[in-house]
Amino acid sequence: MIQTLDLRGTRPSSAELAALVPRAILDVSVATETASHLITEVRERGSAALLDQAERLDRVRPAALRVSADELAAAVDALDPAVRDAVEESIARVRRASAAQVPPALETELAAGARIEQRWQPVRRAGFYVPGARRSIPRASS
């Protein structure tokens, strides 16, 4: 359930904000163990493991792991223009901020004719899956 907190005209302290917007309590060791198990399953069983995990953790079994180009295009076309503009602006800002953090290439000569180069290079594609932990998280009342 989404809750809106109207903080306009206020200047809550960090402690007050933390009380207004509680965070889920997470045991890192449990998360690490769960992630390790998920990774092992995927290494052993590939795509079938991903589909099984989605069904077990999110209670949905997707028809495919990859969203088709047609589905993506339809979703983009269905966006409210203001939302699309905001998303595109966010993408542009993340790209600018990320590009500014890339260190310059560094070349080291180890011996005559023996050089190594360290460089940062973007990847063409990346994927990720975030298992859903369906538990109730208390929210501040409005």
N, C-alpha and C. Protein backbone atom coordinates (compact mmCIF):
# COMPACT_ATOMS: atom_id res chain seq x y z
N MET A 1 0.84 -1.17 0.00
CA MET A 1 0.00 0.00 0.00
C MET A 1 0.89 1.24 0.00
N ILE A 2 0.64 2.15 -0.91
CA ILE A 2 1.43 3.37 -1.00
C ILE A 2 0.82 4.41 -0.08
N GLN A 3 1.68 5.07 0.65
CA GLN A 3 1.25 6.12 1.56
C GLN A 3 1.95 7.41 1.19
N THR A 4 1.23 8.50 1.20
CA THR A 4 1.80 9.81 0.90
C THR A 4 1.99 10.59 2.19
N LEU A 5 3.20 11.07 2.39
CA LEU A 5 3.49 11.92 3.54
C LEU A 5 3.72 13.33 3.01
N ASP A 6 2.93 14.27 3.44
CA ASP A 6 3.09 15.65 3.01
C ASP A 6 3.98 16.38 4.00
N LEU A 7 5.22 16.63 3.60
CA LEU A 7 6.19 17.29 4.48
C LEU A 7 6.46 18.72 4.04
N ARG A 8 5.64 19.23 3.13
CA ARG A 8 5.84 20.61 2.69
C ARG A 8 5.74 21.55 3.87
N GLY A 9 6.66 22.50 3.91
CA GLY A 9 6.66 23.50 4.97
C GLY A 9 7.28 23.01 6.27
N THR A 10 7.82 21.79 6.27
CA THR A 10 8.46 21.27 7.48
C THR A 10 9.94 21.02 7.21
N ARG A 11 10.71 20.92 8.26
CA ARG A 11 12.13 20.59 8.15
C ARG A 11 12.46 19.54 9.20
N PRO A 12 11.97 18.31 8.96
CA PRO A 12 12.22 17.27 9.96
C PRO A 12 13.70 16.90 10.04
N SER A 13 14.12 16.55 11.24
CA SER A 13 15.50 16.09 11.43
C SER A 13 15.65 14.69 10.85
N SER A 14 16.86 14.20 10.78
CA SER A 14 17.10 12.84 10.28
C SER A 14 16.36 11.82 11.14
N ALA A 15 16.39 12.01 12.44
CA ALA A 15 15.70 11.08 13.34
C ALA A 15 14.19 11.12 13.12
N GLU A 16 13.66 12.31 12.91
CA GLU A 16 12.22 12.43 12.66
C GLU A 16 11.84 11.78 11.33
N LEU A 17 12.67 11.96 10.32
CA LEU A 17 12.41 11.31 9.03
C LEU A 17 12.46 9.79 9.16
N ALA A 18 13.44 9.30 9.89
CA ALA A 18 13.56 7.86 10.10
C ALA A 18 12.32 7.31 10.80
N ALA A 19 11.75 8.07 11.73
CA ALA A 19 10.54 7.63 12.43
C ALA A 19 9.32 7.68 11.50
N LEU A 20 9.29 8.66 10.60
CA LEU A 20 8.16 8.79 9.67
C LEU A 20 8.20 7.74 8.56
N VAL A 21 9.40 7.38 8.12
CA VAL A 21 9.56 6.47 7.00
C VAL A 21 10.40 5.28 7.47
N PRO A 22 9.78 4.34 8.16
CA PRO A 22 10.55 3.21 8.68
C PRO A 22 11.09 2.33 7.56
N ARG A 23 12.21 1.74 7.78
CA ARG A 23 12.86 0.83 6.83
C ARG A 23 12.68 -0.60 7.31
N ALA A 24 12.66 -1.50 6.37
CA ALA A 24 12.57 -2.91 6.71
C ALA A 24 13.83 -3.33 7.47
N ILE A 25 13.65 -4.19 8.43
CA ILE A 25 14.79 -4.73 9.16
C ILE A 25 15.32 -5.90 8.36
N LEU A 26 16.61 -5.90 8.08
CA LEU A 26 17.21 -6.91 7.23
C LEU A 26 18.39 -7.55 7.92
N ASP A 27 18.36 -8.85 8.01
CA ASP A 27 19.49 -9.61 8.53
C ASP A 27 20.38 -9.93 7.33
N VAL A 28 21.51 -9.27 7.22
CA VAL A 28 22.39 -9.42 6.07
C VAL A 28 22.83 -10.86 5.87
N SER A 29 23.06 -11.59 6.96
CA SER A 29 23.51 -12.98 6.81
C SER A 29 22.43 -13.83 6.15
N VAL A 30 21.15 -13.57 6.46
CA VAL A 30 20.06 -14.30 5.81
C VAL A 30 20.00 -13.93 4.33
N ALA A 31 20.14 -12.64 4.02
CA ALA A 31 20.11 -12.21 2.62
C ALA A 31 21.28 -12.81 1.84
N THR A 32 22.45 -12.85 2.45
CA THR A 32 23.63 -13.41 1.79
C THR A 32 23.44 -14.89 1.53
N GLU A 33 22.93 -15.62 2.51
CA GLU A 33 22.69 -17.06 2.35
C GLU A 33 21.65 -17.31 1.26
N THR A 34 20.58 -16.53 1.25
CA THR A 34 19.54 -16.69 0.23
C THR A 34 20.10 -16.40 -1.15
N ALA A 35 20.85 -15.31 -1.30
CA ALA A 35 21.44 -14.96 -2.59
C ALA A 35 22.39 -16.04 -3.07
N SER A 36 23.19 -16.58 -2.18
CA SER A 36 24.13 -17.64 -2.54
C SER A 36 23.38 -18.86 -3.07
N HIS A 37 22.30 -19.22 -2.39
CA HIS A 37 21.50 -20.36 -2.83
C HIS A 37 20.89 -20.10 -4.21
N LEU A 38 20.37 -18.89 -4.42
CA LEU A 38 19.77 -18.55 -5.72
C LEU A 38 20.81 -18.62 -6.84
N ILE A 39 21.99 -18.11 -6.58
CA ILE A 39 23.06 -18.10 -7.59
C ILE A 39 23.47 -19.54 -7.92
N THR A 40 23.58 -20.37 -6.91
CA THR A 40 23.94 -21.78 -7.14
C THR A 40 22.87 -22.46 -8.00
N GLU A 41 21.60 -22.22 -7.69
CA GLU A 41 20.52 -22.80 -8.50
C GLU A 41 20.63 -22.39 -9.95
N VAL A 42 20.90 -21.10 -10.19
CA VAL A 42 20.98 -20.60 -11.57
C VAL A 42 22.19 -21.20 -12.28
N ARG A 43 23.30 -21.33 -11.58
CA ARG A 43 24.48 -21.96 -12.20
C ARG A 43 24.18 -23.39 -12.61
N GLU A 44 23.44 -24.08 -11.78
CA GLU A 44 23.17 -25.50 -12.03
C GLU A 44 22.05 -25.71 -13.04
N ARG A 45 21.01 -24.86 -13.01
CA ARG A 45 19.83 -25.13 -13.82
C ARG A 45 19.46 -24.02 -14.79
N GLY A 46 20.20 -22.91 -14.80
CA GLY A 46 19.98 -21.85 -15.78
C GLY A 46 18.61 -21.20 -15.70
N SER A 47 18.02 -20.96 -16.86
CA SER A 47 16.74 -20.24 -16.97
C SER A 47 15.62 -20.89 -16.18
N ALA A 48 15.60 -22.21 -16.15
CA ALA A 48 14.54 -22.90 -15.41
C ALA A 48 14.57 -22.50 -13.94
N ALA A 49 15.76 -22.35 -13.38
CA ALA A 49 15.88 -21.94 -11.98
C ALA A 49 15.33 -20.53 -11.78
N LEU A 50 15.60 -19.63 -12.72
CA LEU A 50 15.08 -18.26 -12.61
C LEU A 50 13.56 -18.25 -12.61
N LEU A 51 12.98 -19.04 -13.50
CA LEU A 51 11.51 -19.09 -13.57
C LEU A 51 10.93 -19.69 -12.29
N ASP A 52 11.56 -20.74 -11.78
CA ASP A 52 11.11 -21.35 -10.52
C ASP A 52 11.23 -20.36 -9.36
N GLN A 53 12.33 -19.61 -9.33
CA GLN A 53 12.53 -18.63 -8.25
C GLN A 53 11.47 -17.53 -8.30
N ALA A 54 11.16 -17.05 -9.49
CA ALA A 54 10.13 -16.02 -9.62
C ALA A 54 8.80 -16.53 -9.10
N GLU A 55 8.49 -17.77 -9.44
CA GLU A 55 7.23 -18.36 -8.99
C GLU A 55 7.21 -18.54 -7.47
N ARG A 56 8.31 -19.01 -6.91
CA ARG A 56 8.39 -19.26 -5.48
C ARG A 56 8.41 -17.96 -4.67
N LEU A 57 9.19 -16.99 -5.12
CA LEU A 57 9.39 -15.78 -4.32
C LEU A 57 8.37 -14.68 -4.62
N ASP A 58 7.95 -14.57 -5.87
CA ASP A 58 7.05 -13.49 -6.27
C ASP A 58 5.63 -13.95 -6.55
N ARG A 59 5.44 -15.27 -6.50
CA ARG A 59 4.12 -15.87 -6.76
C ARG A 59 3.62 -15.56 -8.17
N VAL A 60 4.54 -15.50 -9.11
CA VAL A 60 4.18 -15.33 -10.52
C VAL A 60 5.24 -16.04 -11.34
N ARG A 61 4.81 -16.68 -12.41
CA ARG A 61 5.76 -17.35 -13.30
C ARG A 61 5.66 -16.65 -14.65
N PRO A 62 6.66 -15.83 -14.98
CA PRO A 62 6.60 -15.10 -16.24
C PRO A 62 6.66 -16.05 -17.43
N ALA A 63 6.07 -15.63 -18.54
CA ALA A 63 6.10 -16.43 -19.76
C ALA A 63 7.51 -16.49 -20.32
N ALA A 64 8.29 -15.44 -20.09
CA ALA A 64 9.66 -15.38 -20.60
C ALA A 64 10.51 -14.58 -19.63
N LEU A 65 11.83 -14.76 -19.75
CA LEU A 65 12.75 -14.01 -18.91
C LEU A 65 13.07 -12.64 -19.50
N ARG A 66 13.00 -12.53 -20.80
CA ARG A 66 13.33 -11.29 -21.46
C ARG A 66 12.05 -10.64 -21.97
N VAL A 67 11.90 -9.34 -21.73
CA VAL A 67 10.76 -8.59 -22.22
C VAL A 67 11.01 -8.31 -23.70
N SER A 68 10.01 -8.61 -24.53
CA SER A 68 10.19 -8.44 -25.98
C SER A 68 10.23 -6.96 -26.36
N ALA A 69 10.82 -6.69 -27.50
CA ALA A 69 10.90 -5.31 -28.01
C ALA A 69 9.50 -4.74 -28.21
N ASP A 70 8.56 -5.55 -28.68
CA ASP A 70 7.18 -5.09 -28.88
C ASP A 70 6.53 -4.70 -27.56
N GLU A 71 6.75 -5.51 -26.52
CA GLU A 71 6.18 -5.19 -25.20
C GLU A 71 6.78 -3.91 -24.65
N LEU A 72 8.10 -3.74 -24.82
CA LEU A 72 8.74 -2.51 -24.36
C LEU A 72 8.20 -1.29 -25.10
N ALA A 73 8.07 -1.41 -26.41
CA ALA A 73 7.55 -0.29 -27.22
C ALA A 73 6.13 0.06 -26.82
N ALA A 74 5.30 -0.96 -26.58
CA ALA A 74 3.92 -0.71 -26.16
C ALA A 74 3.87 -0.03 -24.80
N ALA A 75 4.74 -0.44 -23.89
CA ALA A 75 4.77 0.17 -22.56
C ALA A 75 5.20 1.64 -22.65
N VAL A 76 6.20 1.91 -23.47
CA VAL A 76 6.67 3.29 -23.65
C VAL A 76 5.55 4.14 -24.26
N ASP A 77 4.88 3.61 -25.28
CA ASP A 77 3.79 4.35 -25.94
C ASP A 77 2.63 4.63 -24.98
N ALA A 78 2.42 3.75 -24.00
CA ALA A 78 1.30 3.91 -23.07
C ALA A 78 1.62 4.88 -21.92
N LEU A 79 2.88 5.28 -21.80
CA LEU A 79 3.25 6.19 -20.71
C LEU A 79 2.62 7.56 -20.88
N ASP A 80 2.24 8.13 -19.75
CA ASP A 80 1.81 9.53 -19.74
C ASP A 80 3.01 10.36 -20.21
N PRO A 81 2.81 11.32 -21.11
CA PRO A 81 3.94 12.11 -21.61
C PRO A 81 4.78 12.77 -20.52
N ALA A 82 4.16 13.22 -19.45
CA ALA A 82 4.91 13.85 -18.36
C ALA A 82 5.80 12.81 -17.65
N VAL A 83 5.29 11.60 -17.50
CA VAL A 83 6.08 10.53 -16.88
C VAL A 83 7.24 10.16 -17.79
N ARG A 84 6.96 10.05 -19.09
CA ARG A 84 8.03 9.70 -20.03
C ARG A 84 9.12 10.77 -20.02
N ASP A 85 8.73 12.04 -20.03
CA ASP A 85 9.71 13.13 -19.97
C ASP A 85 10.55 13.03 -18.70
N ALA A 86 9.91 12.73 -17.58
CA ALA A 86 10.62 12.61 -16.30
C ALA A 86 11.59 11.43 -16.33
N VAL A 87 11.17 10.31 -16.89
CA VAL A 87 12.04 9.14 -16.98
C VAL A 87 13.23 9.44 -17.88
N GLU A 88 12.97 10.06 -19.03
CA GLU A 88 14.07 10.38 -19.95
C GLU A 88 15.05 11.38 -19.34
N GLU A 89 14.55 12.34 -18.58
CA GLU A 89 15.43 13.29 -17.89
C GLU A 89 16.26 12.57 -16.84
N SER A 90 15.64 11.65 -16.11
CA SER A 90 16.37 10.86 -15.11
C SER A 90 17.48 10.05 -15.76
N ILE A 91 17.17 9.43 -16.89
CA ILE A 91 18.18 8.65 -17.62
C ILE A 91 19.34 9.55 -18.04
N ALA A 92 19.03 10.71 -18.57
CA ALA A 92 20.08 11.64 -19.01
C ALA A 92 20.96 12.07 -17.84
N ARG A 93 20.34 12.33 -16.69
CA ARG A 93 21.12 12.76 -15.52
C ARG A 93 22.01 11.63 -15.00
N VAL A 94 21.48 10.42 -14.96
CA VAL A 94 22.29 9.28 -14.49
C VAL A 94 23.47 9.07 -15.44
N ARG A 95 23.23 9.17 -16.74
CA ARG A 95 24.32 9.00 -17.71
C ARG A 95 25.40 10.07 -17.51
N ARG A 96 24.97 11.33 -17.33
CA ARG A 96 25.96 12.41 -17.12
C ARG A 96 26.74 12.19 -15.83
N ALA A 97 26.05 11.85 -14.77
CA ALA A 97 26.72 11.65 -13.48
C ALA A 97 27.66 10.45 -13.55
N SER A 98 27.23 9.38 -14.19
CA SER A 98 28.07 8.18 -14.31
C SER A 98 29.30 8.46 -15.16
N ALA A 99 29.12 9.16 -16.28
CA ALA A 99 30.25 9.48 -17.16
C ALA A 99 31.29 10.33 -16.43
N ALA A 100 30.82 11.20 -15.55
CA ALA A 100 31.74 12.08 -14.82
C ALA A 100 32.59 11.29 -13.81
N GLN A 101 32.14 10.10 -13.43
CA GLN A 101 32.86 9.30 -12.45
C GLN A 101 33.87 8.33 -13.07
N VAL A 102 33.85 8.19 -14.37
CA VAL A 102 34.74 7.23 -15.03
C VAL A 102 36.16 7.77 -15.02
N PRO A 103 37.08 7.04 -14.42
CA PRO A 103 38.47 7.51 -14.40
C PRO A 103 39.10 7.38 -15.78
N PRO A 104 40.10 8.18 -16.06
CA PRO A 104 40.76 8.08 -17.36
C PRO A 104 41.52 6.75 -17.47
N ALA A 105 41.74 6.31 -18.71
CA ALA A 105 42.51 5.08 -18.92
C ALA A 105 43.90 5.27 -18.35
N LEU A 106 44.47 4.19 -17.84
CA LEU A 106 45.79 4.24 -17.24
C LEU A 106 46.65 3.17 -17.91
N GLU A 107 47.76 3.62 -18.49
CA GLU A 107 48.67 2.68 -19.15
C GLU A 107 49.95 2.58 -18.34
N THR A 108 50.41 1.36 -18.14
CA THR A 108 51.63 1.11 -17.40
C THR A 108 52.59 0.31 -18.27
N GLU A 109 53.82 0.81 -18.41
CA GLU A 109 54.82 0.07 -19.17
C GLU A 109 55.60 -0.80 -18.19
N LEU A 110 55.52 -2.10 -18.38
CA LEU A 110 56.18 -3.05 -17.50
C LEU A 110 57.62 -3.30 -17.93
N ALA A 111 57.84 -3.27 -19.24
CA ALA A 111 59.16 -3.48 -19.84
C ALA A 111 59.08 -2.95 -21.26
N ALA A 112 60.16 -2.89 -21.94
CA ALA A 112 60.15 -2.40 -23.32
C ALA A 112 59.17 -3.23 -24.14
N GLY A 113 58.15 -2.57 -24.68
CA GLY A 113 57.15 -3.24 -25.51
C GLY A 113 56.10 -4.01 -24.73
N ALA A 114 56.18 -4.00 -23.43
CA ALA A 114 55.20 -4.72 -22.59
C ALA A 114 54.40 -3.69 -21.80
N ARG A 115 53.19 -3.44 -22.26
CA ARG A 115 52.34 -2.44 -21.61
C ARG A 115 51.00 -3.08 -21.25
N ILE A 116 50.46 -2.58 -20.18
CA ILE A 116 49.09 -2.96 -19.81
C ILE A 116 48.27 -1.69 -19.72
N GLU A 117 46.99 -1.82 -20.00
CA GLU A 117 46.12 -0.67 -19.92
C GLU A 117 44.90 -1.03 -19.08
N GLN A 118 44.58 -0.15 -18.16
CA GLN A 118 43.37 -0.30 -17.37
C GLN A 118 42.40 0.75 -17.87
N ARG A 119 41.21 0.30 -18.26
CA ARG A 119 40.23 1.26 -18.74
C ARG A 119 38.83 0.83 -18.33
N TRP A 120 37.99 1.78 -18.16
CA TRP A 120 36.60 1.54 -17.80
C TRP A 120 35.80 1.59 -19.09
N GLN A 121 34.94 0.61 -19.26
CA GLN A 121 34.19 0.52 -20.51
C GLN A 121 32.76 0.07 -20.18
N PRO A 122 31.77 0.72 -20.77
CA PRO A 122 30.39 0.32 -20.49
C PRO A 122 30.07 -1.05 -21.09
N VAL A 123 29.13 -1.72 -20.48
CA VAL A 123 28.67 -3.00 -21.02
C VAL A 123 27.43 -2.75 -21.87
N ARG A 124 27.20 -3.62 -22.85
CA ARG A 124 26.04 -3.45 -23.73
C ARG A 124 24.73 -3.76 -23.02
N ARG A 125 24.77 -4.75 -22.14
CA ARG A 125 23.52 -5.19 -21.54
C ARG A 125 23.81 -5.78 -20.16
N ALA A 126 22.89 -5.57 -19.26
CA ALA A 126 23.00 -6.16 -17.93
C ALA A 126 21.61 -6.58 -17.49
N GLY A 127 21.54 -7.59 -16.68
CA GLY A 127 20.25 -8.04 -16.17
C GLY A 127 20.35 -8.26 -14.68
N PHE A 128 19.23 -8.20 -14.01
CA PHE A 128 19.22 -8.47 -12.58
C PHE A 128 17.83 -8.94 -12.18
N TYR A 129 17.78 -9.62 -11.08
CA TYR A 129 16.52 -10.11 -10.53
C TYR A 129 16.54 -9.83 -9.04
N VAL A 130 15.50 -9.22 -8.55
CA VAL A 130 15.39 -8.92 -7.13
C VAL A 130 14.22 -9.71 -6.57
N PRO A 131 14.52 -10.77 -5.83
CA PRO A 131 13.42 -11.58 -5.28
C PRO A 131 12.57 -10.74 -4.34
N GLY A 132 11.26 -10.92 -4.42
CA GLY A 132 10.35 -10.18 -3.55
C GLY A 132 10.16 -10.87 -2.23
N ALA A 133 10.41 -10.16 -1.15
CA ALA A 133 10.17 -10.69 0.18
C ALA A 133 8.82 -10.17 0.62
N ARG A 134 7.83 -11.01 0.59
CA ARG A 134 6.46 -10.58 0.89
C ARG A 134 6.25 -10.63 2.40
N ARG A 135 6.55 -9.51 3.04
CA ARG A 135 6.26 -9.44 4.47
C ARG A 135 5.71 -8.06 4.75
N SER A 136 4.96 -7.97 5.79
CA SER A 136 4.33 -6.72 6.15
C SER A 136 5.33 -5.79 6.83
N ILE A 137 5.41 -4.57 6.33
CA ILE A 137 6.30 -3.58 6.92
C ILE A 137 5.42 -2.49 7.52
N PRO A 138 5.55 -2.21 8.81
CA PRO A 138 4.70 -1.18 9.41
C PRO A 138 4.98 0.19 8.80
N ARG A 139 3.94 0.95 8.58
CA ARG A 139 4.05 2.29 8.00
C ARG A 139 3.56 3.32 9.00
N ALA A 140 4.10 4.55 8.86
CA ALA A 140 3.63 5.65 9.71
C ALA A 140 2.20 6.01 9.30
N SER A 141 1.37 6.37 10.22
CA SER A 141 0.00 6.78 9.90
C SER A 141 0.01 8.19 9.35
N SER A 142 -0.97 8.45 8.50
CA SER A 142 -1.06 9.82 7.95
C SER A 142 -2.05 10.65 8.70
